[in-house]
Amino acid sequence: MRLTEDEARRRLGAARVLRLATVDAGGAPHQVPATFAFYGGGRLAIAVDHKPKRTSDLRRLRNIEAEPRVCVLADEYSDDWTRLWWVRADGTARVLAAGAVRETGAGRTGRDREAERTEAVDRLVAKYPQYAAHRPEGPVIVIDVERITGWAYADPAG
């Protein structure tokens, strides 16, 4: 059954992980799992954190610079299929680098971008205890959600 927008937002906010889908300038898709924070009624933040990565030149960041439209998907799988659900959110992403106070453009001052990055990291720290000991210092992806939809096998009201 289709979820109401409020229920889709609730489930997305409570989910622990999602998949971020981007496309490159040529249209090739790329998808990665990510931890995230959903806040402010329609903003989603994903940090590039300290976990080991093969490179700091991440494809997801390059893709967002080339094509800022993105999609995220959070879901719950269970062998008890009556517990299945998914939520998809489409939006426009931007990358806020550490030291974003030097960045300008897109109608925001550098100080606005730094404040936005700080709020996003604060939200991630509040959600994931692992970040309390080691705050994300890398770039932060911020997504302005424009559309959200979801489905569940069963009615959440029971």
N, C-alpha and C. Protein backbone atom coordinates (compact mmCIF):
# COMPACT_ATOMS: atom_id res chain seq x y z
N MET A 1 0.83 -1.17 0.00
CA MET A 1 0.00 0.00 0.00
C MET A 1 0.88 1.24 0.00
N ARG A 2 0.40 2.24 -0.65
CA ARG A 2 1.14 3.50 -0.73
C ARG A 2 1.15 4.18 0.64
N LEU A 3 2.31 4.70 1.03
CA LEU A 3 2.43 5.41 2.29
C LEU A 3 2.00 6.87 2.12
N THR A 4 1.43 7.44 3.16
CA THR A 4 1.17 8.88 3.13
C THR A 4 2.52 9.59 3.14
N GLU A 5 2.55 10.82 2.73
CA GLU A 5 3.81 11.57 2.73
C GLU A 5 4.36 11.68 4.15
N ASP A 6 3.50 11.91 5.13
CA ASP A 6 3.96 12.01 6.53
C ASP A 6 4.59 10.70 6.99
N GLU A 7 3.96 9.56 6.65
CA GLU A 7 4.51 8.27 7.06
C GLU A 7 5.82 7.98 6.33
N ALA A 8 5.90 8.35 5.06
CA ALA A 8 7.14 8.16 4.31
C ALA A 8 8.26 8.99 4.95
N ARG A 9 7.97 10.22 5.32
CA ARG A 9 8.98 11.07 5.98
C ARG A 9 9.40 10.48 7.32
N ARG A 10 8.44 9.96 8.08
CA ARG A 10 8.75 9.37 9.38
C ARG A 10 9.69 8.18 9.22
N ARG A 11 9.37 7.30 8.28
CA ARG A 11 10.20 6.11 8.07
C ARG A 11 11.58 6.47 7.55
N LEU A 12 11.64 7.42 6.64
CA LEU A 12 12.94 7.85 6.13
C LEU A 12 13.79 8.40 7.28
N GLY A 13 13.21 9.26 8.10
CA GLY A 13 13.96 9.83 9.21
C GLY A 13 14.46 8.81 10.20
N ALA A 14 13.70 7.73 10.40
CA ALA A 14 14.06 6.69 11.36
C ALA A 14 15.03 5.66 10.79
N ALA A 15 15.14 5.56 9.48
CA ALA A 15 16.02 4.56 8.86
C ALA A 15 17.47 4.81 9.24
N ARG A 16 18.25 3.75 9.31
CA ARG A 16 19.66 3.86 9.70
C ARG A 16 20.61 4.01 8.51
N VAL A 17 20.18 3.53 7.34
CA VAL A 17 21.03 3.60 6.16
C VAL A 17 20.14 3.77 4.94
N LEU A 18 20.69 4.39 3.91
CA LEU A 18 19.98 4.51 2.64
C LEU A 18 20.95 4.25 1.51
N ARG A 19 20.43 4.24 0.30
CA ARG A 19 21.27 4.14 -0.89
C ARG A 19 21.13 5.44 -1.65
N LEU A 20 22.26 6.03 -1.99
CA LEU A 20 22.31 7.28 -2.75
C LEU A 20 22.61 6.95 -4.20
N ALA A 21 21.72 7.40 -5.08
CA ALA A 21 21.92 7.17 -6.51
C ALA A 21 22.22 8.50 -7.20
N THR A 22 23.33 8.52 -7.93
CA THR A 22 23.73 9.68 -8.72
C THR A 22 23.96 9.20 -10.15
N VAL A 23 24.13 10.16 -11.05
CA VAL A 23 24.51 9.83 -12.43
C VAL A 23 25.63 10.76 -12.84
N ASP A 24 26.50 10.27 -13.70
CA ASP A 24 27.59 11.12 -14.17
C ASP A 24 27.13 11.95 -15.37
N ALA A 25 28.02 12.77 -15.88
CA ALA A 25 27.67 13.66 -16.99
C ALA A 25 27.19 12.91 -18.21
N GLY A 26 27.63 11.66 -18.37
CA GLY A 26 27.21 10.83 -19.50
C GLY A 26 25.95 10.02 -19.24
N GLY A 27 25.40 10.13 -18.04
CA GLY A 27 24.18 9.41 -17.70
C GLY A 27 24.37 8.05 -17.07
N ALA A 28 25.62 7.66 -16.77
CA ALA A 28 25.87 6.36 -16.14
C ALA A 28 25.49 6.42 -14.66
N PRO A 29 24.68 5.48 -14.18
CA PRO A 29 24.26 5.50 -12.79
C PRO A 29 25.36 5.02 -11.84
N HIS A 30 25.26 5.48 -10.60
CA HIS A 30 26.19 5.08 -9.55
C HIS A 30 25.40 5.08 -8.24
N GLN A 31 25.52 4.01 -7.47
CA GLN A 31 24.75 3.90 -6.23
C GLN A 31 25.66 3.43 -5.11
N VAL A 32 25.52 4.08 -3.93
CA VAL A 32 26.30 3.70 -2.76
C VAL A 32 25.42 3.75 -1.51
N PRO A 33 25.71 2.89 -0.53
CA PRO A 33 25.00 3.00 0.75
C PRO A 33 25.59 4.17 1.54
N ALA A 34 24.77 4.75 2.41
CA ALA A 34 25.25 5.90 3.18
C ALA A 34 24.47 6.04 4.48
N THR A 35 25.16 6.53 5.50
CA THR A 35 24.48 7.00 6.70
C THR A 35 24.02 8.42 6.40
N PHE A 36 23.00 8.88 7.12
CA PHE A 36 22.40 10.15 6.75
C PHE A 36 21.58 10.72 7.91
N ALA A 37 21.24 11.98 7.78
CA ALA A 37 20.28 12.62 8.68
C ALA A 37 19.24 13.31 7.82
N PHE A 38 17.97 13.15 8.19
CA PHE A 38 16.85 13.78 7.50
C PHE A 38 16.23 14.76 8.49
N TYR A 39 16.16 16.01 8.12
CA TYR A 39 15.74 17.04 9.08
C TYR A 39 15.12 18.24 8.38
N GLY A 40 14.56 19.11 9.18
CA GLY A 40 14.03 20.35 8.65
C GLY A 40 12.88 20.18 7.69
N GLY A 41 12.22 19.04 7.73
CA GLY A 41 11.06 18.82 6.88
C GLY A 41 11.37 18.40 5.46
N GLY A 42 12.62 18.54 5.04
CA GLY A 42 12.92 18.16 3.67
C GLY A 42 14.37 18.27 3.28
N ARG A 43 15.24 18.24 4.24
CA ARG A 43 16.67 18.31 3.95
C ARG A 43 17.34 17.03 4.44
N LEU A 44 18.26 16.54 3.65
CA LEU A 44 18.95 15.30 3.96
C LEU A 44 20.45 15.54 3.85
N ALA A 45 21.22 15.05 4.82
CA ALA A 45 22.67 15.25 4.83
C ALA A 45 23.39 13.91 4.87
N ILE A 46 24.44 13.81 4.07
CA ILE A 46 25.32 12.64 4.02
C ILE A 46 26.75 13.17 4.09
N ALA A 47 27.55 12.64 5.00
CA ALA A 47 28.93 13.11 5.13
C ALA A 47 29.92 12.13 4.52
N VAL A 48 30.98 12.66 4.01
CA VAL A 48 32.13 11.83 3.66
C VAL A 48 32.96 11.78 4.94
N ASP A 49 32.96 10.63 5.57
CA ASP A 49 33.56 10.53 6.89
C ASP A 49 34.92 9.84 6.85
N HIS A 50 35.40 9.45 8.01
CA HIS A 50 36.75 8.91 8.17
C HIS A 50 36.88 7.43 7.83
N LYS A 51 35.76 6.74 7.54
CA LYS A 51 35.88 5.33 7.19
C LYS A 51 36.81 5.18 5.97
N PRO A 52 37.58 4.10 5.91
CA PRO A 52 38.53 3.94 4.80
C PRO A 52 37.83 3.95 3.43
N LYS A 53 38.44 4.66 2.51
CA LYS A 53 37.97 4.72 1.13
C LYS A 53 39.19 4.58 0.23
N ARG A 54 38.97 4.07 -0.97
CA ARG A 54 40.11 3.88 -1.89
C ARG A 54 40.71 5.20 -2.35
N THR A 55 39.89 6.25 -2.41
CA THR A 55 40.35 7.54 -2.91
C THR A 55 39.53 8.64 -2.26
N SER A 56 40.06 9.85 -2.27
CA SER A 56 39.28 10.99 -1.78
C SER A 56 38.52 11.65 -2.94
N ASP A 57 38.83 11.24 -4.16
CA ASP A 57 38.16 11.75 -5.35
C ASP A 57 36.94 10.85 -5.62
N LEU A 58 35.92 11.00 -4.80
CA LEU A 58 34.78 10.09 -4.84
C LEU A 58 33.86 10.38 -6.02
N ARG A 59 33.47 9.30 -6.67
CA ARG A 59 32.60 9.41 -7.84
C ARG A 59 31.28 10.10 -7.52
N ARG A 60 30.70 9.81 -6.35
CA ARG A 60 29.42 10.44 -5.99
C ARG A 60 29.54 11.96 -5.95
N LEU A 61 30.68 12.48 -5.48
CA LEU A 61 30.88 13.93 -5.42
C LEU A 61 31.04 14.52 -6.81
N ARG A 62 31.82 13.84 -7.65
CA ARG A 62 31.99 14.30 -9.04
C ARG A 62 30.66 14.28 -9.77
N ASN A 63 29.87 13.21 -9.54
CA ASN A 63 28.58 13.10 -10.21
C ASN A 63 27.65 14.23 -9.81
N ILE A 64 27.61 14.57 -8.54
CA ILE A 64 26.73 15.65 -8.08
C ILE A 64 27.15 16.98 -8.68
N GLU A 65 28.45 17.20 -8.81
CA GLU A 65 28.91 18.43 -9.45
C GLU A 65 28.45 18.49 -10.90
N ALA A 66 28.44 17.34 -11.58
CA ALA A 66 28.03 17.29 -12.98
C ALA A 66 26.52 17.29 -13.15
N GLU A 67 25.81 16.60 -12.25
CA GLU A 67 24.35 16.48 -12.33
C GLU A 67 23.80 16.41 -10.90
N PRO A 68 23.25 17.52 -10.41
CA PRO A 68 22.84 17.57 -9.00
C PRO A 68 21.54 16.83 -8.66
N ARG A 69 20.80 16.36 -9.66
CA ARG A 69 19.58 15.60 -9.34
C ARG A 69 19.97 14.22 -8.86
N VAL A 70 19.43 13.85 -7.70
CA VAL A 70 19.76 12.56 -7.07
C VAL A 70 18.50 11.88 -6.57
N CYS A 71 18.67 10.62 -6.20
CA CYS A 71 17.58 9.83 -5.62
C CYS A 71 18.17 9.05 -4.45
N VAL A 72 17.40 8.95 -3.37
CA VAL A 72 17.80 8.09 -2.25
C VAL A 72 16.69 7.09 -1.99
N LEU A 73 17.09 5.94 -1.47
CA LEU A 73 16.14 4.88 -1.16
C LEU A 73 16.50 4.27 0.18
N ALA A 74 15.53 4.25 1.08
CA ALA A 74 15.66 3.53 2.36
C ALA A 74 14.60 2.44 2.36
N ASP A 75 14.93 1.30 2.96
CA ASP A 75 13.96 0.21 2.95
C ASP A 75 14.18 -0.72 4.12
N GLU A 76 13.21 -1.58 4.32
CA GLU A 76 13.28 -2.61 5.34
C GLU A 76 12.93 -3.93 4.68
N TYR A 77 13.84 -4.88 4.77
CA TYR A 77 13.56 -6.21 4.26
C TYR A 77 13.40 -7.16 5.44
N SER A 78 12.49 -8.09 5.28
CA SER A 78 12.29 -9.15 6.26
C SER A 78 11.80 -10.38 5.51
N ASP A 79 12.16 -11.54 6.01
CA ASP A 79 11.60 -12.77 5.43
C ASP A 79 10.10 -12.84 5.69
N ASP A 80 9.63 -12.11 6.68
CA ASP A 80 8.20 -11.93 6.90
C ASP A 80 7.79 -10.76 6.01
N TRP A 81 7.29 -11.05 4.84
CA TRP A 81 7.02 -10.01 3.85
C TRP A 81 5.96 -9.02 4.28
N THR A 82 5.22 -9.30 5.32
CA THR A 82 4.24 -8.32 5.80
C THR A 82 4.94 -7.13 6.45
N ARG A 83 6.25 -7.23 6.67
CA ARG A 83 7.02 -6.14 7.28
C ARG A 83 7.80 -5.31 6.26
N LEU A 84 7.67 -5.62 4.98
CA LEU A 84 8.42 -4.91 3.95
C LEU A 84 7.93 -3.47 3.78
N TRP A 85 8.89 -2.56 3.54
CA TRP A 85 8.55 -1.19 3.16
C TRP A 85 9.75 -0.55 2.47
N TRP A 86 9.47 0.53 1.72
CA TRP A 86 10.52 1.33 1.14
C TRP A 86 10.06 2.78 1.04
N VAL A 87 11.03 3.69 1.06
CA VAL A 87 10.78 5.12 0.86
C VAL A 87 11.83 5.63 -0.11
N ARG A 88 11.36 6.37 -1.10
CA ARG A 88 12.23 6.98 -2.10
C ARG A 88 12.07 8.49 -2.03
N ALA A 89 13.19 9.20 -2.07
CA ALA A 89 13.17 10.66 -2.10
C ALA A 89 14.03 11.14 -3.26
N ASP A 90 13.47 12.05 -4.04
CA ASP A 90 14.19 12.67 -5.15
C ASP A 90 14.47 14.11 -4.78
N GLY A 91 15.62 14.61 -5.18
CA GLY A 91 15.93 15.99 -4.86
C GLY A 91 17.15 16.49 -5.59
N THR A 92 17.56 17.68 -5.17
CA THR A 92 18.72 18.34 -5.74
C THR A 92 19.80 18.41 -4.67
N ALA A 93 21.00 17.96 -5.03
CA ALA A 93 22.11 17.88 -4.08
C ALA A 93 23.15 18.95 -4.36
N ARG A 94 23.88 19.25 -3.32
CA ARG A 94 25.06 20.12 -3.44
C ARG A 94 26.11 19.59 -2.46
N VAL A 95 27.35 19.87 -2.76
CA VAL A 95 28.46 19.41 -1.93
C VAL A 95 29.02 20.61 -1.18
N LEU A 96 29.08 20.48 0.15
CA LEU A 96 29.65 21.52 0.99
C LEU A 96 30.98 21.00 1.52
N ALA A 97 32.05 21.59 1.06
CA ALA A 97 33.38 21.17 1.49
C ALA A 97 33.68 21.73 2.86
N ALA A 98 34.57 21.06 3.58
CA ALA A 98 35.06 21.61 4.85
C ALA A 98 35.71 22.95 4.54
N GLY A 99 35.52 23.91 5.42
CA GLY A 99 36.03 25.25 5.15
C GLY A 99 35.17 25.94 4.11
N ALA A 100 33.88 25.58 4.08
CA ALA A 100 32.96 26.10 3.06
C ALA A 100 32.79 27.61 3.13
N VAL A 101 33.31 28.23 4.17
CA VAL A 101 33.20 29.68 4.28
C VAL A 101 33.84 30.36 3.07
N ARG A 102 34.74 29.66 2.40
CA ARG A 102 35.39 30.22 1.21
C ARG A 102 34.55 30.01 -0.05
N GLU A 103 33.53 29.16 0.03
CA GLU A 103 32.71 28.89 -1.14
C GLU A 103 31.66 29.97 -1.31
N THR A 104 31.31 30.24 -2.55
CA THR A 104 30.25 31.20 -2.83
C THR A 104 29.38 30.63 -3.93
N GLY A 105 28.35 31.36 -4.30
CA GLY A 105 27.49 30.94 -5.39
C GLY A 105 26.20 30.33 -4.91
N ALA A 106 25.32 30.01 -5.85
CA ALA A 106 24.03 29.37 -5.60
C ALA A 106 23.19 30.16 -4.62
N GLY A 107 23.36 31.50 -4.59
CA GLY A 107 22.52 32.34 -3.76
C GLY A 107 22.84 32.28 -2.27
N ARG A 108 23.91 31.64 -1.90
CA ARG A 108 24.30 31.55 -0.49
C ARG A 108 25.69 32.14 -0.32
N THR A 109 25.89 32.81 0.79
CA THR A 109 27.23 33.31 1.09
C THR A 109 28.06 32.17 1.63
N GLY A 110 29.35 32.35 1.68
CA GLY A 110 30.23 31.34 2.24
C GLY A 110 29.90 31.05 3.69
N ARG A 111 29.54 32.09 4.45
CA ARG A 111 29.18 31.89 5.85
C ARG A 111 27.89 31.08 5.97
N ASP A 112 26.93 31.33 5.08
CA ASP A 112 25.69 30.53 5.08
C ASP A 112 26.01 29.07 4.81
N ARG A 113 26.91 28.81 3.89
CA ARG A 113 27.27 27.43 3.55
C ARG A 113 27.99 26.76 4.72
N GLU A 114 28.86 27.49 5.39
CA GLU A 114 29.55 26.91 6.55
C GLU A 114 28.55 26.59 7.66
N ALA A 115 27.59 27.49 7.90
CA ALA A 115 26.56 27.24 8.92
C ALA A 115 25.70 26.04 8.52
N GLU A 116 25.39 25.93 7.24
CA GLU A 116 24.61 24.80 6.75
C GLU A 116 25.38 23.49 6.93
N ARG A 117 26.67 23.51 6.63
CA ARG A 117 27.50 22.32 6.81
C ARG A 117 27.58 21.93 8.28
N THR A 118 27.77 22.92 9.14
CA THR A 118 27.85 22.65 10.58
C THR A 118 26.55 22.05 11.09
N GLU A 119 25.40 22.59 10.67
CA GLU A 119 24.13 22.02 11.10
C GLU A 119 24.00 20.58 10.61
N ALA A 120 24.37 20.31 9.38
CA ALA A 120 24.26 18.96 8.83
C ALA A 120 25.13 17.99 9.64
N VAL A 121 26.36 18.37 9.95
CA VAL A 121 27.23 17.49 10.73
C VAL A 121 26.68 17.31 12.14
N ASP A 122 26.16 18.38 12.73
CA ASP A 122 25.55 18.26 14.07
C ASP A 122 24.40 17.25 14.05
N ARG A 123 23.59 17.26 13.00
CA ARG A 123 22.48 16.30 12.89
C ARG A 123 22.99 14.87 12.75
N LEU A 124 24.06 14.69 12.00
CA LEU A 124 24.65 13.35 11.86
C LEU A 124 25.24 12.87 13.19
N VAL A 125 25.90 13.74 13.90
CA VAL A 125 26.47 13.40 15.20
C VAL A 125 25.37 12.99 16.17
N ALA A 126 24.24 13.69 16.12
CA ALA A 126 23.12 13.37 17.01
C ALA A 126 22.52 11.99 16.69
N LYS A 127 22.56 11.59 15.43
CA LYS A 127 21.95 10.33 15.02
C LYS A 127 22.88 9.13 15.20
N TYR A 128 24.16 9.31 14.98
CA TYR A 128 25.12 8.21 15.00
C TYR A 128 26.17 8.43 16.09
N PRO A 129 26.17 7.61 17.14
CA PRO A 129 27.15 7.76 18.22
C PRO A 129 28.60 7.68 17.72
N GLN A 130 28.84 6.95 16.65
CA GLN A 130 30.20 6.82 16.11
C GLN A 130 30.78 8.18 15.71
N TYR A 131 29.92 9.11 15.32
CA TYR A 131 30.38 10.43 14.91
C TYR A 131 30.68 11.34 16.10
N ALA A 132 30.19 11.01 17.28
CA ALA A 132 30.46 11.84 18.45
C ALA A 132 31.95 11.83 18.77
N ALA A 133 32.58 10.66 18.62
CA ALA A 133 34.01 10.54 18.91
C ALA A 133 34.88 11.07 17.77
N HIS A 134 34.33 11.08 16.56
CA HIS A 134 35.11 11.53 15.40
C HIS A 134 34.17 12.21 14.40
N ARG A 135 33.97 13.52 14.58
CA ARG A 135 33.08 14.27 13.70
C ARG A 135 33.55 14.20 12.25
N PRO A 136 32.63 14.04 11.31
CA PRO A 136 33.02 14.05 9.90
C PRO A 136 33.71 15.36 9.53
N GLU A 137 34.86 15.24 8.90
CA GLU A 137 35.63 16.42 8.52
C GLU A 137 35.64 16.65 7.01
N GLY A 138 35.17 15.66 6.26
CA GLY A 138 35.19 15.76 4.81
C GLY A 138 33.98 16.52 4.27
N PRO A 139 33.81 16.47 2.96
CA PRO A 139 32.66 17.13 2.34
C PRO A 139 31.34 16.56 2.86
N VAL A 140 30.31 17.38 2.81
CA VAL A 140 28.96 16.98 3.20
C VAL A 140 28.05 17.19 2.00
N ILE A 141 27.29 16.16 1.68
CA ILE A 141 26.27 16.27 0.63
C ILE A 141 24.97 16.68 1.31
N VAL A 142 24.38 17.76 0.83
CA VAL A 142 23.08 18.20 1.34
C VAL A 142 22.09 18.10 0.18
N ILE A 143 20.98 17.44 0.45
CA ILE A 143 19.95 17.23 -0.57
C ILE A 143 18.68 17.94 -0.14
N ASP A 144 18.17 18.79 -1.01
CA ASP A 144 16.85 19.38 -0.81
C ASP A 144 15.85 18.44 -1.46
N VAL A 145 15.06 17.76 -0.62
CA VAL A 145 14.10 16.77 -1.10
C VAL A 145 12.92 17.50 -1.75
N GLU A 146 12.62 17.11 -2.97
CA GLU A 146 11.52 17.72 -3.73
C GLU A 146 10.32 16.80 -3.86
N ARG A 147 10.56 15.50 -3.74
CA ARG A 147 9.47 14.51 -3.88
C ARG A 147 9.81 13.32 -3.00
N ILE A 148 8.80 12.84 -2.29
CA ILE A 148 9.00 11.67 -1.45
C ILE A 148 7.80 10.75 -1.62
N THR A 149 8.08 9.48 -1.74
CA THR A 149 7.02 8.49 -1.91
C THR A 149 7.45 7.21 -1.21
N GLY A 150 6.48 6.37 -0.91
CA GLY A 150 6.82 5.13 -0.24
C GLY A 150 5.74 4.08 -0.36
N TRP A 151 6.09 2.88 0.04
CA TRP A 151 5.20 1.73 -0.05
C TRP A 151 5.47 0.84 1.15
N ALA A 152 4.43 0.20 1.65
CA ALA A 152 4.56 -0.81 2.70
C ALA A 152 3.59 -1.94 2.39
N TYR A 153 3.97 -3.14 2.75
CA TYR A 153 3.10 -4.29 2.56
C TYR A 153 1.82 -4.10 3.34
N ALA A 154 1.97 -3.62 4.56
CA ALA A 154 0.82 -3.51 5.47
C ALA A 154 0.58 -2.07 5.88
N ASP A 155 -0.62 -1.77 6.25
CA ASP A 155 -0.99 -0.44 6.75
C ASP A 155 -0.27 -0.19 8.06
N PRO A 156 0.47 0.95 8.17
CA PRO A 156 1.22 1.22 9.40
C PRO A 156 0.30 1.42 10.62
N ALA A 157 -0.96 1.75 10.38
CA ALA A 157 -1.88 1.94 11.49
C ALA A 157 -2.36 0.61 12.04
N GLY A 158 -2.07 -0.46 11.29
CA GLY A 158 -2.43 -1.80 11.75
C GLY A 158 -3.76 -2.16 11.25
